[in-house]
Amino acid sequence: MKRLNWRLGMFIVGLFILWVGGGYALAAEESKWSFVGFTKYRDALFIDKAILSRPSAGTVLVTTRIEPSAKSLFRKNIKREIPQYKKSLKNFKYLIMEVELACPEHRMRFLKIQFFDEEGKVLHTAAEPAAPWKPVKHGSLWKDLEKTVCP
């Protein structure tokens, strides 16, 4: 009896993994975005491999997309920032960031962040071409991004 319950439990876990993973696979097939990993708030991070560029040796410029879930802690943190932009979070759907990575030095910086609504209209754009470099920490989502795009 215990063995049957264990098998049933493993079967259900397997179905759940396929269901969750299949959703991200379908999302990637329907668009130009490729799944990289999850933020610390468990929101998926995608990259656009079509516009990945290498402006200089060891440097990669990549466009990323995060679409926070409705109950995401990340979304709650953004709520604090959006009023500064005088925009409503009511229609906020996702954000797109231009990230530059210095691969040999394991550093990164956010050059541009855009907030979009459900129709794909830009709510706010923040660009900082001289943004400060930050270290890419081991075990972080950004390390996964670095592994994905750096040679």
N, C-alpha and C. Protein backbone atom coordinates (compact mmCIF):
# COMPACT_ATOMS: atom_id res chain seq x y z
N MET A 1 0.82 -1.19 0.00
CA MET A 1 0.00 0.00 0.00
C MET A 1 0.87 1.26 0.00
N LYS A 2 1.93 1.26 0.86
CA LYS A 2 2.82 2.42 0.92
C LYS A 2 3.51 2.62 -0.42
N ARG A 3 3.88 1.50 -1.06
CA ARG A 3 4.56 1.58 -2.35
C ARG A 3 3.64 2.20 -3.41
N LEU A 4 2.37 1.85 -3.38
CA LEU A 4 1.40 2.40 -4.33
C LEU A 4 1.23 3.90 -4.09
N ASN A 5 1.14 4.34 -2.84
CA ASN A 5 1.03 5.76 -2.53
C ASN A 5 2.26 6.53 -2.98
N TRP A 6 3.45 5.94 -2.79
CA TRP A 6 4.70 6.57 -3.20
C TRP A 6 4.72 6.75 -4.72
N ARG A 7 4.34 5.70 -5.45
CA ARG A 7 4.30 5.76 -6.92
C ARG A 7 3.29 6.80 -7.41
N LEU A 8 2.14 6.84 -6.79
CA LEU A 8 1.13 7.81 -7.15
C LEU A 8 1.64 9.23 -6.89
N GLY A 9 2.29 9.42 -5.76
CA GLY A 9 2.86 10.73 -5.43
C GLY A 9 3.91 11.14 -6.45
N MET A 10 4.79 10.24 -6.82
CA MET A 10 5.83 10.54 -7.80
C MET A 10 5.22 10.83 -9.18
N PHE A 11 4.15 10.11 -9.51
CA PHE A 11 3.46 10.35 -10.78
C PHE A 11 2.88 11.76 -10.82
N ILE A 12 2.26 12.18 -9.72
CA ILE A 12 1.67 13.52 -9.64
C ILE A 12 2.75 14.59 -9.71
N VAL A 13 3.86 14.38 -9.02
CA VAL A 13 4.98 15.33 -9.07
C VAL A 13 5.51 15.42 -10.51
N GLY A 14 5.65 14.29 -11.16
CA GLY A 14 6.12 14.26 -12.55
C GLY A 14 5.18 15.03 -13.49
N LEU A 15 3.89 14.83 -13.32
CA LEU A 15 2.92 15.56 -14.13
C LEU A 15 3.01 17.06 -13.89
N PHE A 16 3.19 17.45 -12.64
CA PHE A 16 3.31 18.86 -12.31
C PHE A 16 4.54 19.47 -12.99
N ILE A 17 5.67 18.77 -12.92
CA ILE A 17 6.89 19.27 -13.55
C ILE A 17 6.70 19.41 -15.06
N LEU A 18 6.09 18.43 -15.68
CA LEU A 18 5.83 18.51 -17.12
C LEU A 18 4.90 19.66 -17.45
N TRP A 19 3.88 19.86 -16.64
CA TRP A 19 2.91 20.93 -16.87
C TRP A 19 3.58 22.28 -16.78
N VAL A 20 4.36 22.52 -15.71
CA VAL A 20 5.03 23.81 -15.52
C VAL A 20 6.08 24.02 -16.60
N GLY A 21 6.93 23.04 -16.84
CA GLY A 21 7.98 23.15 -17.85
C GLY A 21 7.41 23.28 -19.25
N GLY A 22 6.33 22.58 -19.51
CA GLY A 22 5.69 22.65 -20.83
C GLY A 22 5.14 24.03 -21.12
N GLY A 23 4.65 24.70 -20.10
CA GLY A 23 4.13 26.06 -20.28
C GLY A 23 5.23 27.01 -20.71
N TYR A 24 6.41 26.90 -20.11
CA TYR A 24 7.51 27.76 -20.50
C TYR A 24 8.03 27.38 -21.88
N ALA A 25 8.02 26.10 -22.19
CA ALA A 25 8.46 25.67 -23.52
C ALA A 25 7.52 26.22 -24.59
N LEU A 26 6.22 26.17 -24.33
CA LEU A 26 5.27 26.71 -25.29
C LEU A 26 5.43 28.21 -25.44
N ALA A 27 5.65 28.91 -24.34
CA ALA A 27 5.84 30.36 -24.40
C ALA A 27 7.06 30.68 -25.24
N ALA A 28 8.13 29.92 -25.11
CA ALA A 28 9.34 30.17 -25.88
C ALA A 28 9.11 29.88 -27.36
N GLU A 29 8.33 28.83 -27.66
CA GLU A 29 8.06 28.49 -29.06
C GLU A 29 7.24 29.56 -29.75
N GLU A 30 6.31 30.16 -29.02
CA GLU A 30 5.42 31.14 -29.60
C GLU A 30 6.07 32.51 -29.76
N SER A 31 7.23 32.72 -29.16
CA SER A 31 7.86 34.02 -29.23
C SER A 31 9.35 33.88 -29.43
N LYS A 32 10.01 35.02 -29.45
CA LYS A 32 11.45 35.05 -29.63
C LYS A 32 12.21 34.85 -28.33
N TRP A 33 11.52 34.71 -27.22
CA TRP A 33 12.15 34.66 -25.91
C TRP A 33 12.53 33.24 -25.51
N SER A 34 13.75 33.09 -24.96
CA SER A 34 14.24 31.80 -24.47
C SER A 34 14.36 31.84 -22.95
N PHE A 35 13.85 30.82 -22.30
CA PHE A 35 13.86 30.74 -20.84
C PHE A 35 15.29 30.56 -20.31
N VAL A 36 15.64 31.33 -19.26
CA VAL A 36 16.97 31.23 -18.63
C VAL A 36 16.86 30.66 -17.23
N GLY A 37 15.94 31.18 -16.43
CA GLY A 37 15.80 30.74 -15.04
C GLY A 37 14.78 31.58 -14.32
N PHE A 38 14.78 31.45 -13.00
CA PHE A 38 13.83 32.17 -12.17
C PHE A 38 14.52 33.22 -11.32
N THR A 39 13.85 34.35 -11.11
CA THR A 39 14.35 35.36 -10.20
C THR A 39 14.21 34.83 -8.78
N LYS A 40 14.78 35.55 -7.81
CA LYS A 40 14.65 35.11 -6.42
C LYS A 40 13.20 35.15 -5.96
N TYR A 41 12.34 35.85 -6.71
CA TYR A 41 10.92 35.91 -6.40
C TYR A 41 10.12 34.87 -7.18
N ARG A 42 10.83 33.99 -7.90
CA ARG A 42 10.25 32.88 -8.67
C ARG A 42 9.49 33.34 -9.91
N ASP A 43 9.92 34.47 -10.48
CA ASP A 43 9.37 34.92 -11.75
C ASP A 43 10.36 34.53 -12.84
N ALA A 44 9.85 34.10 -13.98
CA ALA A 44 10.72 33.61 -15.04
C ALA A 44 11.48 34.74 -15.74
N LEU A 45 12.74 34.45 -16.08
CA LEU A 45 13.58 35.37 -16.84
C LEU A 45 13.81 34.76 -18.22
N PHE A 46 13.59 35.57 -19.25
CA PHE A 46 13.80 35.14 -20.63
C PHE A 46 14.82 36.06 -21.30
N ILE A 47 15.49 35.57 -22.34
CA ILE A 47 16.37 36.41 -23.14
C ILE A 47 15.95 36.34 -24.60
N ASP A 48 16.29 37.38 -25.33
CA ASP A 48 16.05 37.43 -26.77
C ASP A 48 17.38 37.14 -27.45
N LYS A 49 17.58 35.89 -27.88
CA LYS A 49 18.83 35.50 -28.50
C LYS A 49 19.02 36.13 -29.88
N ALA A 50 17.93 36.59 -30.48
CA ALA A 50 18.01 37.18 -31.82
C ALA A 50 18.78 38.50 -31.82
N ILE A 51 18.74 39.24 -30.72
CA ILE A 51 19.44 40.52 -30.71
C ILE A 51 20.60 40.52 -29.71
N LEU A 52 21.12 39.36 -29.41
CA LEU A 52 22.31 39.22 -28.59
C LEU A 52 23.49 39.77 -29.38
N SER A 53 24.28 40.64 -28.76
CA SER A 53 25.42 41.21 -29.50
C SER A 53 26.66 41.22 -28.63
N ARG A 54 27.80 41.31 -29.29
CA ARG A 54 29.09 41.37 -28.62
C ARG A 54 29.81 42.63 -29.09
N PRO A 55 29.57 43.77 -28.41
CA PRO A 55 30.14 45.04 -28.85
C PRO A 55 31.67 45.09 -28.78
N SER A 56 32.28 44.31 -27.89
CA SER A 56 33.73 44.24 -27.81
C SER A 56 34.12 42.87 -27.24
N ALA A 57 35.40 42.56 -27.30
CA ALA A 57 35.88 41.26 -26.82
C ALA A 57 35.53 41.09 -25.34
N GLY A 58 34.87 39.99 -25.02
CA GLY A 58 34.52 39.69 -23.64
C GLY A 58 33.28 40.38 -23.12
N THR A 59 32.64 41.20 -23.95
CA THR A 59 31.45 41.93 -23.53
C THR A 59 30.24 41.45 -24.33
N VAL A 60 29.14 41.24 -23.64
CA VAL A 60 27.90 40.79 -24.28
C VAL A 60 26.78 41.74 -23.90
N LEU A 61 25.98 42.13 -24.88
CA LEU A 61 24.79 42.95 -24.65
C LEU A 61 23.58 42.07 -24.96
N VAL A 62 22.70 41.90 -23.98
CA VAL A 62 21.55 41.00 -24.13
C VAL A 62 20.29 41.69 -23.64
N THR A 63 19.18 41.38 -24.28
CA THR A 63 17.87 41.90 -23.88
C THR A 63 17.16 40.81 -23.09
N THR A 64 16.68 41.17 -21.89
CA THR A 64 16.00 40.21 -21.02
C THR A 64 14.57 40.66 -20.77
N ARG A 65 13.74 39.71 -20.38
CA ARG A 65 12.33 40.00 -20.09
C ARG A 65 11.93 39.28 -18.82
N ILE A 66 11.26 40.01 -17.92
CA ILE A 66 10.69 39.42 -16.71
C ILE A 66 9.21 39.77 -16.69
N GLU A 67 8.39 38.75 -16.52
CA GLU A 67 6.94 38.96 -16.44
C GLU A 67 6.48 38.46 -15.07
N PRO A 68 6.42 39.36 -14.09
CA PRO A 68 6.06 38.94 -12.73
C PRO A 68 4.64 38.38 -12.65
N SER A 69 4.48 37.37 -11.83
CA SER A 69 3.15 36.81 -11.61
C SER A 69 2.32 37.79 -10.78
N ALA A 70 1.04 37.57 -10.73
CA ALA A 70 0.13 38.50 -10.05
C ALA A 70 0.45 38.66 -8.56
N LYS A 71 0.91 37.58 -7.91
CA LYS A 71 1.19 37.62 -6.48
C LYS A 71 2.69 37.73 -6.19
N SER A 72 3.47 38.10 -7.16
CA SER A 72 4.92 38.15 -7.03
C SER A 72 5.40 39.22 -6.05
N LEU A 73 6.42 38.88 -5.28
CA LEU A 73 7.04 39.88 -4.40
C LEU A 73 7.76 40.93 -5.24
N PHE A 74 8.26 40.51 -6.39
CA PHE A 74 8.92 41.44 -7.31
C PHE A 74 7.92 42.52 -7.76
N ARG A 75 6.71 42.09 -8.09
CA ARG A 75 5.66 43.02 -8.49
C ARG A 75 5.37 44.01 -7.36
N LYS A 76 5.35 43.51 -6.12
CA LYS A 76 5.09 44.39 -4.98
C LYS A 76 6.22 45.41 -4.81
N ASN A 77 7.45 44.98 -5.06
CA ASN A 77 8.58 45.91 -4.98
C ASN A 77 8.50 46.97 -6.08
N ILE A 78 8.05 46.58 -7.25
CA ILE A 78 7.91 47.52 -8.35
C ILE A 78 6.82 48.56 -8.03
N LYS A 79 5.79 48.15 -7.30
CA LYS A 79 4.72 49.09 -6.93
C LYS A 79 5.28 50.32 -6.24
N ARG A 80 6.36 50.10 -5.48
CA ARG A 80 6.97 51.23 -4.78
C ARG A 80 7.66 52.18 -5.75
N GLU A 81 8.15 51.66 -6.88
CA GLU A 81 8.88 52.49 -7.83
C GLU A 81 7.98 53.17 -8.85
N ILE A 82 6.95 52.48 -9.31
CA ILE A 82 6.10 53.01 -10.38
C ILE A 82 5.48 54.35 -10.02
N PRO A 83 5.01 54.58 -8.79
CA PRO A 83 4.45 55.92 -8.49
C PRO A 83 5.46 57.04 -8.74
N GLN A 84 6.74 56.76 -8.61
CA GLN A 84 7.76 57.77 -8.91
C GLN A 84 7.68 58.18 -10.38
N TYR A 85 7.24 57.26 -11.21
CA TYR A 85 7.14 57.52 -12.65
C TYR A 85 5.78 58.10 -13.02
N LYS A 86 4.92 58.27 -12.02
CA LYS A 86 3.57 58.81 -12.22
C LYS A 86 2.73 57.92 -13.15
N LYS A 87 2.94 56.63 -13.08
CA LYS A 87 2.18 55.68 -13.88
C LYS A 87 1.48 54.68 -12.96
N SER A 88 0.42 54.10 -13.44
CA SER A 88 -0.33 53.12 -12.67
C SER A 88 0.22 51.72 -12.89
N LEU A 89 0.28 50.95 -11.83
CA LEU A 89 0.71 49.56 -11.94
C LEU A 89 -0.44 48.66 -12.38
N LYS A 90 -1.62 49.21 -12.42
CA LYS A 90 -2.81 48.43 -12.75
C LYS A 90 -2.62 47.64 -14.04
N ASN A 91 -2.04 48.25 -15.04
CA ASN A 91 -1.85 47.59 -16.33
C ASN A 91 -0.44 47.06 -16.55
N PHE A 92 0.44 47.18 -15.55
CA PHE A 92 1.81 46.68 -15.71
C PHE A 92 1.80 45.18 -15.94
N LYS A 93 2.52 44.74 -16.99
CA LYS A 93 2.55 43.33 -17.35
C LYS A 93 3.96 42.74 -17.27
N TYR A 94 4.94 43.43 -17.85
CA TYR A 94 6.29 42.89 -17.88
C TYR A 94 7.30 44.02 -18.03
N LEU A 95 8.57 43.68 -17.84
CA LEU A 95 9.62 44.65 -18.08
C LEU A 95 10.70 44.02 -18.95
N ILE A 96 11.34 44.88 -19.73
CA ILE A 96 12.43 44.46 -20.61
C ILE A 96 13.65 45.27 -20.22
N MET A 97 14.78 44.57 -20.06
CA MET A 97 16.01 45.22 -19.65
C MET A 97 17.12 44.93 -20.65
N GLU A 98 17.93 45.93 -20.93
CA GLU A 98 19.16 45.73 -21.69
C GLU A 98 20.26 45.57 -20.67
N VAL A 99 20.90 44.42 -20.71
CA VAL A 99 21.93 44.09 -19.74
C VAL A 99 23.25 43.90 -20.47
N GLU A 100 24.30 44.53 -19.94
CA GLU A 100 25.64 44.35 -20.50
C GLU A 100 26.45 43.52 -19.51
N LEU A 101 27.10 42.48 -20.02
CA LEU A 101 27.93 41.63 -19.18
C LEU A 101 29.38 41.72 -19.64
N ALA A 102 30.28 41.89 -18.69
CA ALA A 102 31.72 41.81 -18.95
C ALA A 102 32.11 40.40 -18.49
N CYS A 103 32.13 39.48 -19.43
CA CYS A 103 32.26 38.05 -19.10
C CYS A 103 33.53 37.69 -18.33
N PRO A 104 34.73 38.10 -18.79
CA PRO A 104 35.95 37.69 -18.06
C PRO A 104 36.00 38.22 -16.63
N GLU A 105 35.42 39.40 -16.41
CA GLU A 105 35.45 40.01 -15.07
C GLU A 105 34.25 39.59 -14.21
N HIS A 106 33.30 38.88 -14.79
CA HIS A 106 32.08 38.46 -14.09
C HIS A 106 31.36 39.65 -13.48
N ARG A 107 31.12 40.66 -14.35
CA ARG A 107 30.40 41.86 -13.94
C ARG A 107 29.26 42.11 -14.90
N MET A 108 28.28 42.90 -14.44
CA MET A 108 27.13 43.23 -15.27
C MET A 108 26.60 44.61 -14.89
N ARG A 109 25.81 45.17 -15.82
CA ARG A 109 25.12 46.43 -15.52
C ARG A 109 23.85 46.51 -16.34
N PHE A 110 22.87 47.26 -15.81
CA PHE A 110 21.58 47.45 -16.46
C PHE A 110 21.61 48.80 -17.18
N LEU A 111 21.63 48.75 -18.50
CA LEU A 111 21.71 49.98 -19.29
C LEU A 111 20.36 50.63 -19.52
N LYS A 112 19.32 49.80 -19.63
CA LYS A 112 17.99 50.32 -19.94
C LYS A 112 16.93 49.38 -19.37
N ILE A 113 15.90 49.97 -18.76
CA ILE A 113 14.77 49.20 -18.24
C ILE A 113 13.49 49.85 -18.75
N GLN A 114 12.61 49.02 -19.32
CA GLN A 114 11.33 49.51 -19.82
C GLN A 114 10.20 48.72 -19.19
N PHE A 115 9.19 49.44 -18.71
CA PHE A 115 8.00 48.83 -18.14
C PHE A 115 6.90 48.87 -19.19
N PHE A 116 6.21 47.74 -19.39
CA PHE A 116 5.17 47.62 -20.41
C PHE A 116 3.84 47.24 -19.79
N ASP A 117 2.76 47.63 -20.47
CA ASP A 117 1.42 47.24 -20.02
C ASP A 117 0.99 45.99 -20.78
N GLU A 118 -0.26 45.59 -20.58
CA GLU A 118 -0.78 44.37 -21.19
C GLU A 118 -0.85 44.43 -22.71
N GLU A 119 -0.98 45.64 -23.27
CA GLU A 119 -1.05 45.79 -24.73
C GLU A 119 0.33 45.96 -25.36
N GLY A 120 1.38 45.94 -24.55
CA GLY A 120 2.72 46.12 -25.08
C GLY A 120 3.15 47.57 -25.20
N LYS A 121 2.38 48.48 -24.61
CA LYS A 121 2.73 49.90 -24.64
C LYS A 121 3.71 50.20 -23.51
N VAL A 122 4.67 51.06 -23.78
CA VAL A 122 5.67 51.43 -22.79
C VAL A 122 5.06 52.36 -21.75
N LEU A 123 5.18 51.96 -20.47
CA LEU A 123 4.71 52.80 -19.38
C LEU A 123 5.81 53.76 -18.93
N HIS A 124 7.04 53.26 -18.93
CA HIS A 124 8.17 54.08 -18.50
C HIS A 124 9.47 53.47 -19.01
N THR A 125 10.43 54.33 -19.35
CA THR A 125 11.76 53.89 -19.76
C THR A 125 12.79 54.61 -18.89
N ALA A 126 13.72 53.86 -18.37
CA ALA A 126 14.84 54.42 -17.61
C ALA A 126 16.12 53.91 -18.25
N ALA A 127 16.95 54.83 -18.73
CA ALA A 127 18.21 54.46 -19.37
C ALA A 127 19.37 55.13 -18.64
N GLU A 128 20.42 54.36 -18.47
CA GLU A 128 21.63 54.88 -17.83
C GLU A 128 22.84 54.27 -18.54
N PRO A 129 23.29 54.91 -19.64
CA PRO A 129 24.40 54.36 -20.42
C PRO A 129 25.68 54.16 -19.62
N ALA A 130 25.88 54.93 -18.56
CA ALA A 130 27.07 54.78 -17.73
C ALA A 130 26.72 54.13 -16.38
N ALA A 131 25.80 53.20 -16.41
CA ALA A 131 25.37 52.51 -15.19
C ALA A 131 26.58 51.84 -14.52
N PRO A 132 26.58 51.79 -13.19
CA PRO A 132 27.71 51.16 -12.50
C PRO A 132 27.73 49.64 -12.71
N TRP A 133 28.90 49.09 -12.73
CA TRP A 133 29.08 47.64 -12.85
C TRP A 133 28.82 46.99 -11.50
N LYS A 134 28.19 45.81 -11.55
CA LYS A 134 27.91 45.04 -10.34
C LYS A 134 28.48 43.64 -10.53
N PRO A 135 28.92 43.00 -9.47
CA PRO A 135 29.46 41.64 -9.63
C PRO A 135 28.34 40.63 -9.92
N VAL A 136 28.67 39.63 -10.71
CA VAL A 136 27.74 38.52 -10.96
C VAL A 136 28.04 37.48 -9.89
N LYS A 137 27.12 37.29 -8.97
CA LYS A 137 27.36 36.42 -7.82
C LYS A 137 27.03 34.96 -8.15
N HIS A 138 27.86 34.07 -7.60
CA HIS A 138 27.62 32.63 -7.77
C HIS A 138 26.30 32.26 -7.14
N GLY A 139 25.57 31.37 -7.79
CA GLY A 139 24.29 30.92 -7.28
C GLY A 139 23.12 31.84 -7.59
N SER A 140 23.39 32.96 -8.27
CA SER A 140 22.31 33.89 -8.60
C SER A 140 21.76 33.62 -9.99
N LEU A 141 20.62 34.18 -10.25
CA LEU A 141 20.02 34.09 -11.59
C LEU A 141 20.95 34.71 -12.62
N TRP A 142 21.63 35.78 -12.24
CA TRP A 142 22.51 36.47 -13.18
C TRP A 142 23.69 35.60 -13.56
N LYS A 143 24.10 34.68 -12.68
CA LYS A 143 25.14 33.71 -13.03
C LYS A 143 24.62 32.78 -14.11
N ASP A 144 23.34 32.38 -14.01
CA ASP A 144 22.71 31.55 -15.05
C ASP A 144 22.68 32.30 -16.38
N LEU A 145 22.36 33.59 -16.31
CA LEU A 145 22.35 34.41 -17.53
C LEU A 145 23.76 34.46 -18.13
N GLU A 146 24.75 34.69 -17.29
CA GLU A 146 26.14 34.76 -17.76
C GLU A 146 26.55 33.45 -18.43
N LYS A 147 26.22 32.33 -17.82
CA LYS A 147 26.55 31.01 -18.40
C LYS A 147 25.86 30.82 -19.76
N THR A 148 24.67 31.38 -19.90
CA THR A 148 23.91 31.22 -21.14
C THR A 148 24.48 32.04 -22.28
N VAL A 149 24.93 33.27 -22.00
CA VAL A 149 25.31 34.18 -23.10
C VAL A 149 26.81 34.40 -23.28
N CYS A 150 27.58 34.11 -22.25
CA CYS A 150 29.03 34.34 -22.39
C CYS A 150 29.72 33.15 -23.04
N PRO A 151 30.75 33.43 -23.86
CA PRO A 151 31.45 32.32 -24.53
C PRO A 151 32.26 31.48 -23.56
